[in-house]
Amino acid sequence: MQENEITEWIDGSAVPKEDIKKLFKLFLDSRKETEITKRELHKLDSIKDVMIQEITGKYKFYEFFFDKIFSERRDAIRKDFEIIDKGMKENNRDLINSGVAGLSQIVSASPFTDMERLKRLIDNF
């Protein structure tokens, strides 16, 4: 293919060599910019993956942590109800009062009263 054939547009008009050089440079610059953008997107995807792993890890920790906090309370509440039930079966007021007192203490106390201690536990994880 001859050089003048390369410089002709479809409509038959000639395109100056300088314009072809500029067009080719623009094409190369565009290609270079595309590659830079691809690398930046890949980098951002990697950062996103790390952040998702961090968030997932924290979620699992909080889920475990709060499950343990409330399971202890759940177990204590269950035991107090067992004491109340036993007291009712045996018609023992002392057992009933003991169970109600324990239940009242658990229900009235929040596991979050010592927020500073709770924060330190979470931060040390």
N, C-alpha and C. Protein backbone atom coordinates (compact mmCIF):
# COMPACT_ATOMS: atom_id res chain seq x y z
N MET A 1 0.84 -1.18 0.00
CA MET A 1 0.00 0.00 0.00
C MET A 1 0.89 1.24 0.00
N GLN A 2 0.59 2.19 -0.84
CA GLN A 2 1.40 3.40 -0.97
C GLN A 2 0.97 4.41 0.07
N GLU A 3 1.89 5.33 0.36
CA GLU A 3 1.66 6.33 1.39
C GLU A 3 0.45 7.21 1.08
N ASN A 4 0.25 7.61 -0.13
CA ASN A 4 -0.87 8.49 -0.47
C ASN A 4 -2.21 7.75 -0.31
N GLU A 5 -2.22 6.42 -0.47
CA GLU A 5 -3.45 5.67 -0.25
C GLU A 5 -3.84 5.69 1.22
N ILE A 6 -2.85 5.68 2.11
CA ILE A 6 -3.11 5.71 3.55
C ILE A 6 -3.71 7.04 3.96
N THR A 7 -3.33 8.11 3.29
CA THR A 7 -3.76 9.44 3.70
C THR A 7 -5.08 9.88 3.10
N GLU A 8 -5.77 9.02 2.41
CA GLU A 8 -7.05 9.41 1.82
C GLU A 8 -8.21 8.95 2.69
N TRP A 9 -9.16 9.85 2.88
CA TRP A 9 -10.39 9.53 3.61
C TRP A 9 -11.33 8.80 2.66
N ILE A 10 -12.37 8.31 3.20
CA ILE A 10 -13.37 7.60 2.40
C ILE A 10 -13.94 8.48 1.30
N ASP A 11 -14.13 9.74 1.60
CA ASP A 11 -14.72 10.64 0.58
C ASP A 11 -13.71 11.05 -0.49
N GLY A 12 -12.49 10.60 -0.36
CA GLY A 12 -11.52 10.86 -1.40
C GLY A 12 -10.62 12.04 -1.13
N SER A 13 -10.89 12.83 -0.09
CA SER A 13 -10.02 13.98 0.19
C SER A 13 -8.77 13.52 0.92
N ALA A 14 -7.68 14.16 0.66
CA ALA A 14 -6.39 13.79 1.23
C ALA A 14 -6.27 14.33 2.66
N VAL A 15 -5.59 13.58 3.52
CA VAL A 15 -5.31 13.99 4.90
C VAL A 15 -3.81 14.25 4.99
N PRO A 16 -3.44 15.44 5.44
CA PRO A 16 -2.01 15.76 5.55
C PRO A 16 -1.29 14.80 6.52
N LYS A 17 -0.01 14.55 6.20
CA LYS A 17 0.79 13.64 7.03
C LYS A 17 0.83 14.10 8.48
N GLU A 18 0.90 15.40 8.71
CA GLU A 18 0.97 15.93 10.07
C GLU A 18 -0.27 15.54 10.87
N ASP A 19 -1.44 15.56 10.21
CA ASP A 19 -2.67 15.20 10.89
C ASP A 19 -2.68 13.71 11.24
N ILE A 20 -2.12 12.90 10.37
CA ILE A 20 -2.04 11.47 10.65
C ILE A 20 -1.12 11.23 11.85
N LYS A 21 0.00 11.97 11.86
CA LYS A 21 0.91 11.84 13.00
C LYS A 21 0.22 12.28 14.29
N LYS A 22 -0.53 13.38 14.23
CA LYS A 22 -1.26 13.86 15.42
C LYS A 22 -2.31 12.83 15.85
N LEU A 23 -3.02 12.31 14.88
CA LEU A 23 -4.06 11.32 15.17
C LEU A 23 -3.43 10.06 15.80
N PHE A 24 -2.31 9.63 15.26
CA PHE A 24 -1.65 8.46 15.81
C PHE A 24 -1.14 8.73 17.22
N LYS A 25 -0.60 9.94 17.46
CA LYS A 25 -0.15 10.33 18.80
C LYS A 25 -1.33 10.35 19.76
N LEU A 26 -2.45 10.91 19.33
CA LEU A 26 -3.66 10.90 20.18
C LEU A 26 -4.09 9.48 20.51
N PHE A 27 -4.02 8.61 19.51
CA PHE A 27 -4.37 7.21 19.73
C PHE A 27 -3.45 6.59 20.78
N LEU A 28 -2.14 6.83 20.65
CA LEU A 28 -1.18 6.27 21.61
C LEU A 28 -1.38 6.85 23.00
N ASP A 29 -1.63 8.17 23.06
CA ASP A 29 -1.89 8.81 24.35
C ASP A 29 -3.15 8.23 24.99
N SER A 30 -4.16 8.03 24.17
CA SER A 30 -5.41 7.45 24.66
C SER A 30 -5.17 6.04 25.20
N ARG A 31 -4.40 5.29 24.46
CA ARG A 31 -4.09 3.91 24.88
C ARG A 31 -3.31 3.91 26.19
N LYS A 32 -2.35 4.83 26.31
CA LYS A 32 -1.56 4.96 27.53
C LYS A 32 -2.47 5.32 28.71
N GLU A 33 -3.36 6.28 28.50
CA GLU A 33 -4.30 6.70 29.55
C GLU A 33 -5.22 5.55 29.95
N THR A 34 -5.63 4.74 28.98
CA THR A 34 -6.48 3.58 29.27
C THR A 34 -5.75 2.60 30.17
N GLU A 35 -4.47 2.37 29.88
CA GLU A 35 -3.68 1.44 30.70
C GLU A 35 -3.49 1.99 32.11
N ILE A 36 -3.24 3.28 32.23
CA ILE A 36 -3.10 3.91 33.55
C ILE A 36 -4.41 3.75 34.33
N THR A 37 -5.53 4.01 33.67
CA THR A 37 -6.84 3.88 34.31
C THR A 37 -7.08 2.44 34.75
N LYS A 38 -6.72 1.47 33.92
CA LYS A 38 -6.88 0.06 34.29
C LYS A 38 -6.07 -0.27 35.54
N ARG A 39 -4.83 0.23 35.61
CA ARG A 39 -3.99 -0.03 36.78
C ARG A 39 -4.60 0.61 38.02
N GLU A 40 -5.10 1.84 37.88
CA GLU A 40 -5.72 2.52 39.02
C GLU A 40 -6.97 1.78 39.48
N LEU A 41 -7.78 1.30 38.55
CA LEU A 41 -8.98 0.54 38.90
C LEU A 41 -8.60 -0.76 39.61
N HIS A 42 -7.56 -1.41 39.13
CA HIS A 42 -7.10 -2.64 39.77
C HIS A 42 -6.64 -2.35 41.20
N LYS A 43 -5.92 -1.25 41.37
CA LYS A 43 -5.44 -0.84 42.69
C LYS A 43 -6.63 -0.56 43.61
N LEU A 44 -7.63 0.16 43.11
CA LEU A 44 -8.83 0.45 43.90
C LEU A 44 -9.59 -0.83 44.25
N ASP A 45 -9.65 -1.77 43.33
CA ASP A 45 -10.31 -3.05 43.61
C ASP A 45 -9.58 -3.79 44.74
N SER A 46 -8.26 -3.72 44.72
CA SER A 46 -7.48 -4.37 45.78
C SER A 46 -7.76 -3.72 47.13
N ILE A 47 -7.80 -2.39 47.14
CA ILE A 47 -8.11 -1.67 48.38
C ILE A 47 -9.51 -2.02 48.86
N LYS A 48 -10.45 -2.09 47.93
CA LYS A 48 -11.83 -2.45 48.27
C LYS A 48 -11.88 -3.84 48.89
N ASP A 49 -11.15 -4.79 48.31
CA ASP A 49 -11.14 -6.15 48.84
C ASP A 49 -10.60 -6.19 50.27
N VAL A 50 -9.53 -5.43 50.52
CA VAL A 50 -8.97 -5.38 51.87
C VAL A 50 -9.98 -4.78 52.84
N MET A 51 -10.64 -3.71 52.42
CA MET A 51 -11.64 -3.07 53.29
C MET A 51 -12.81 -4.02 53.58
N ILE A 52 -13.24 -4.75 52.58
CA ILE A 52 -14.33 -5.71 52.78
C ILE A 52 -13.90 -6.79 53.77
N GLN A 53 -12.65 -7.25 53.67
CA GLN A 53 -12.16 -8.24 54.61
C GLN A 53 -12.12 -7.68 56.03
N GLU A 54 -11.69 -6.43 56.18
CA GLU A 54 -11.67 -5.79 57.49
C GLU A 54 -13.08 -5.69 58.07
N ILE A 55 -14.00 -5.22 57.26
CA ILE A 55 -15.39 -5.06 57.71
C ILE A 55 -15.98 -6.41 58.08
N THR A 56 -15.73 -7.42 57.27
CA THR A 56 -16.25 -8.76 57.55
C THR A 56 -15.66 -9.29 58.86
N GLY A 57 -14.38 -9.08 59.06
CA GLY A 57 -13.74 -9.51 60.30
C GLY A 57 -14.32 -8.82 61.51
N LYS A 58 -14.53 -7.51 61.41
CA LYS A 58 -15.13 -6.76 62.53
C LYS A 58 -16.56 -7.22 62.78
N TYR A 59 -17.30 -7.46 61.71
CA TYR A 59 -18.68 -7.92 61.86
C TYR A 59 -18.71 -9.25 62.61
N LYS A 60 -17.83 -10.18 62.21
CA LYS A 60 -17.79 -11.49 62.87
C LYS A 60 -17.40 -11.35 64.33
N PHE A 61 -16.45 -10.45 64.60
CA PHE A 61 -16.05 -10.22 65.99
C PHE A 61 -17.20 -9.67 66.80
N TYR A 62 -17.86 -8.62 66.29
CA TYR A 62 -18.98 -8.03 67.03
C TYR A 62 -20.10 -9.03 67.23
N GLU A 63 -20.37 -9.82 66.20
CA GLU A 63 -21.42 -10.83 66.32
C GLU A 63 -21.05 -11.81 67.43
N PHE A 64 -19.82 -12.29 67.44
CA PHE A 64 -19.35 -13.21 68.47
C PHE A 64 -19.38 -12.55 69.85
N PHE A 65 -18.86 -11.33 69.91
CA PHE A 65 -18.75 -10.60 71.18
C PHE A 65 -20.12 -10.38 71.80
N PHE A 66 -21.06 -9.84 71.02
CA PHE A 66 -22.38 -9.55 71.57
C PHE A 66 -23.17 -10.83 71.84
N ASP A 67 -22.93 -11.86 71.05
CA ASP A 67 -23.57 -13.15 71.33
C ASP A 67 -23.13 -13.66 72.69
N LYS A 68 -21.83 -13.54 72.98
CA LYS A 68 -21.32 -14.00 74.28
C LYS A 68 -21.87 -13.16 75.42
N ILE A 69 -21.90 -11.83 75.25
CA ILE A 69 -22.43 -10.96 76.30
C ILE A 69 -23.88 -11.34 76.61
N PHE A 70 -24.68 -11.47 75.58
CA PHE A 70 -26.10 -11.71 75.82
C PHE A 70 -26.39 -13.18 76.12
N SER A 71 -25.53 -14.09 75.70
CA SER A 71 -25.77 -15.50 76.05
C SER A 71 -25.55 -15.70 77.54
N GLU A 72 -24.58 -15.00 78.12
CA GLU A 72 -24.38 -15.07 79.57
C GLU A 72 -25.62 -14.58 80.30
N ARG A 73 -26.17 -13.48 79.83
CA ARG A 73 -27.40 -12.95 80.44
C ARG A 73 -28.56 -13.92 80.22
N ARG A 74 -28.65 -14.47 79.02
CA ARG A 74 -29.72 -15.42 78.71
C ARG A 74 -29.64 -16.63 79.63
N ASP A 75 -28.43 -17.15 79.82
CA ASP A 75 -28.24 -18.32 80.70
C ASP A 75 -28.61 -17.97 82.14
N ALA A 76 -28.19 -16.80 82.59
CA ALA A 76 -28.51 -16.39 83.97
C ALA A 76 -30.02 -16.20 84.14
N ILE A 77 -30.67 -15.62 83.16
CA ILE A 77 -32.13 -15.44 83.22
C ILE A 77 -32.82 -16.80 83.25
N ARG A 78 -32.36 -17.71 82.43
CA ARG A 78 -32.95 -19.07 82.40
C ARG A 78 -32.80 -19.74 83.76
N LYS A 79 -31.63 -19.60 84.39
CA LYS A 79 -31.41 -20.20 85.72
C LYS A 79 -32.33 -19.57 86.76
N ASP A 80 -32.50 -18.26 86.69
CA ASP A 80 -33.41 -17.60 87.64
C ASP A 80 -34.84 -18.09 87.47
N PHE A 81 -35.27 -18.29 86.24
CA PHE A 81 -36.62 -18.83 86.01
C PHE A 81 -36.72 -20.27 86.52
N GLU A 82 -35.65 -21.03 86.36
CA GLU A 82 -35.66 -22.39 86.91
C GLU A 82 -35.80 -22.37 88.43
N ILE A 83 -35.11 -21.43 89.08
CA ILE A 83 -35.22 -21.28 90.53
C ILE A 83 -36.66 -20.89 90.91
N ILE A 84 -37.23 -19.95 90.17
CA ILE A 84 -38.62 -19.53 90.43
C ILE A 84 -39.56 -20.72 90.24
N ASP A 85 -39.40 -21.46 89.15
CA ASP A 85 -40.25 -22.63 88.89
C ASP A 85 -40.14 -23.66 90.02
N LYS A 86 -38.90 -23.93 90.43
CA LYS A 86 -38.69 -24.90 91.52
C LYS A 86 -39.35 -24.41 92.80
N GLY A 87 -39.18 -23.11 93.08
CA GLY A 87 -39.82 -22.53 94.27
C GLY A 87 -41.33 -22.65 94.22
N MET A 88 -41.91 -22.46 93.03
CA MET A 88 -43.36 -22.56 92.89
C MET A 88 -43.81 -24.02 93.07
N LYS A 89 -43.05 -24.98 92.52
CA LYS A 89 -43.41 -26.39 92.65
C LYS A 89 -43.33 -26.84 94.11
N GLU A 90 -42.32 -26.32 94.79
CA GLU A 90 -42.11 -26.73 96.19
C GLU A 90 -42.81 -25.80 97.17
N ASN A 91 -43.48 -24.79 96.65
CA ASN A 91 -44.15 -23.79 97.48
C ASN A 91 -43.15 -23.17 98.46
N ASN A 92 -41.96 -22.83 97.92
CA ASN A 92 -40.88 -22.29 98.73
C ASN A 92 -40.69 -20.82 98.37
N ARG A 93 -41.15 -19.95 99.26
CA ARG A 93 -41.08 -18.50 99.01
C ARG A 93 -39.63 -17.99 98.92
N ASP A 94 -38.76 -18.58 99.69
CA ASP A 94 -37.36 -18.14 99.65
C ASP A 94 -36.73 -18.38 98.27
N LEU A 95 -37.01 -19.54 97.68
CA LEU A 95 -36.51 -19.81 96.34
C LEU A 95 -37.13 -18.85 95.32
N ILE A 96 -38.43 -18.64 95.44
CA ILE A 96 -39.12 -17.72 94.52
C ILE A 96 -38.52 -16.33 94.63
N ASN A 97 -38.36 -15.85 95.88
CA ASN A 97 -37.78 -14.51 96.09
C ASN A 97 -36.35 -14.42 95.57
N SER A 98 -35.59 -15.51 95.78
CA SER A 98 -34.21 -15.52 95.30
C SER A 98 -34.17 -15.44 93.77
N GLY A 99 -35.02 -16.22 93.11
CA GLY A 99 -35.08 -16.20 91.65
C GLY A 99 -35.53 -14.86 91.11
N VAL A 100 -36.55 -14.27 91.73
CA VAL A 100 -37.05 -12.96 91.28
C VAL A 100 -35.99 -11.89 91.51
N ALA A 101 -35.29 -11.96 92.64
CA ALA A 101 -34.23 -10.97 92.92
C ALA A 101 -33.11 -11.08 91.88
N GLY A 102 -32.70 -12.30 91.58
CA GLY A 102 -31.66 -12.49 90.57
C GLY A 102 -32.10 -12.00 89.21
N LEU A 103 -33.34 -12.33 88.85
CA LEU A 103 -33.90 -11.89 87.57
C LEU A 103 -33.97 -10.37 87.50
N SER A 104 -34.42 -9.78 88.59
CA SER A 104 -34.52 -8.31 88.64
C SER A 104 -33.15 -7.66 88.49
N GLN A 105 -32.17 -8.25 89.14
CA GLN A 105 -30.81 -7.69 89.05
C GLN A 105 -30.28 -7.77 87.62
N ILE A 106 -30.49 -8.89 86.96
CA ILE A 106 -30.00 -9.06 85.59
C ILE A 106 -30.70 -8.11 84.63
N VAL A 107 -32.02 -8.03 84.77
CA VAL A 107 -32.81 -7.20 83.85
C VAL A 107 -32.50 -5.72 84.05
N SER A 108 -32.27 -5.32 85.28
CA SER A 108 -32.04 -3.89 85.54
C SER A 108 -30.61 -3.45 85.19
N ALA A 109 -29.68 -4.40 85.15
CA ALA A 109 -28.29 -4.06 84.84
C ALA A 109 -28.06 -4.21 83.34
N SER A 110 -27.39 -3.24 82.78
CA SER A 110 -27.07 -3.28 81.36
C SER A 110 -25.65 -3.79 81.17
N PRO A 111 -25.43 -4.62 80.17
CA PRO A 111 -24.05 -5.05 79.92
C PRO A 111 -23.19 -3.90 79.38
N PHE A 112 -23.81 -2.77 79.11
CA PHE A 112 -23.08 -1.63 78.55
C PHE A 112 -22.85 -0.52 79.57
N THR A 113 -23.05 -0.79 80.86
CA THR A 113 -22.87 0.26 81.85
C THR A 113 -21.43 0.75 81.93
N ASP A 114 -20.48 -0.14 81.77
CA ASP A 114 -19.08 0.26 81.79
C ASP A 114 -18.59 0.37 80.35
N MET A 115 -19.00 1.43 79.68
CA MET A 115 -18.69 1.60 78.26
C MET A 115 -17.19 1.73 78.00
N GLU A 116 -16.47 2.34 78.94
CA GLU A 116 -15.03 2.50 78.74
C GLU A 116 -14.34 1.14 78.73
N ARG A 117 -14.74 0.27 79.63
CA ARG A 117 -14.18 -1.09 79.65
C ARG A 117 -14.56 -1.85 78.38
N LEU A 118 -15.81 -1.71 77.97
CA LEU A 118 -16.29 -2.37 76.76
C LEU A 118 -15.49 -1.88 75.55
N LYS A 119 -15.25 -0.57 75.48
CA LYS A 119 -14.49 0.01 74.37
C LYS A 119 -13.06 -0.54 74.35
N ARG A 120 -12.45 -0.66 75.52
CA ARG A 120 -11.08 -1.21 75.59
C ARG A 120 -11.05 -2.66 75.12
N LEU A 121 -12.05 -3.44 75.52
CA LEU A 121 -12.11 -4.84 75.07
C LEU A 121 -12.21 -4.92 73.56
N ILE A 122 -13.06 -4.10 72.99
CA ILE A 122 -13.25 -4.10 71.53
C ILE A 122 -11.99 -3.61 70.83
N ASP A 123 -11.39 -2.55 71.34
CA ASP A 123 -10.18 -2.00 70.72
C ASP A 123 -9.00 -2.98 70.76
N ASN A 124 -8.96 -3.80 71.80
CA ASN A 124 -7.85 -4.75 71.94
C ASN A 124 -8.01 -5.99 71.10
N PHE A 125 -9.12 -6.12 70.42
CA PHE A 125 -9.36 -7.30 69.59
C PHE A 125 -8.49 -7.28 68.37
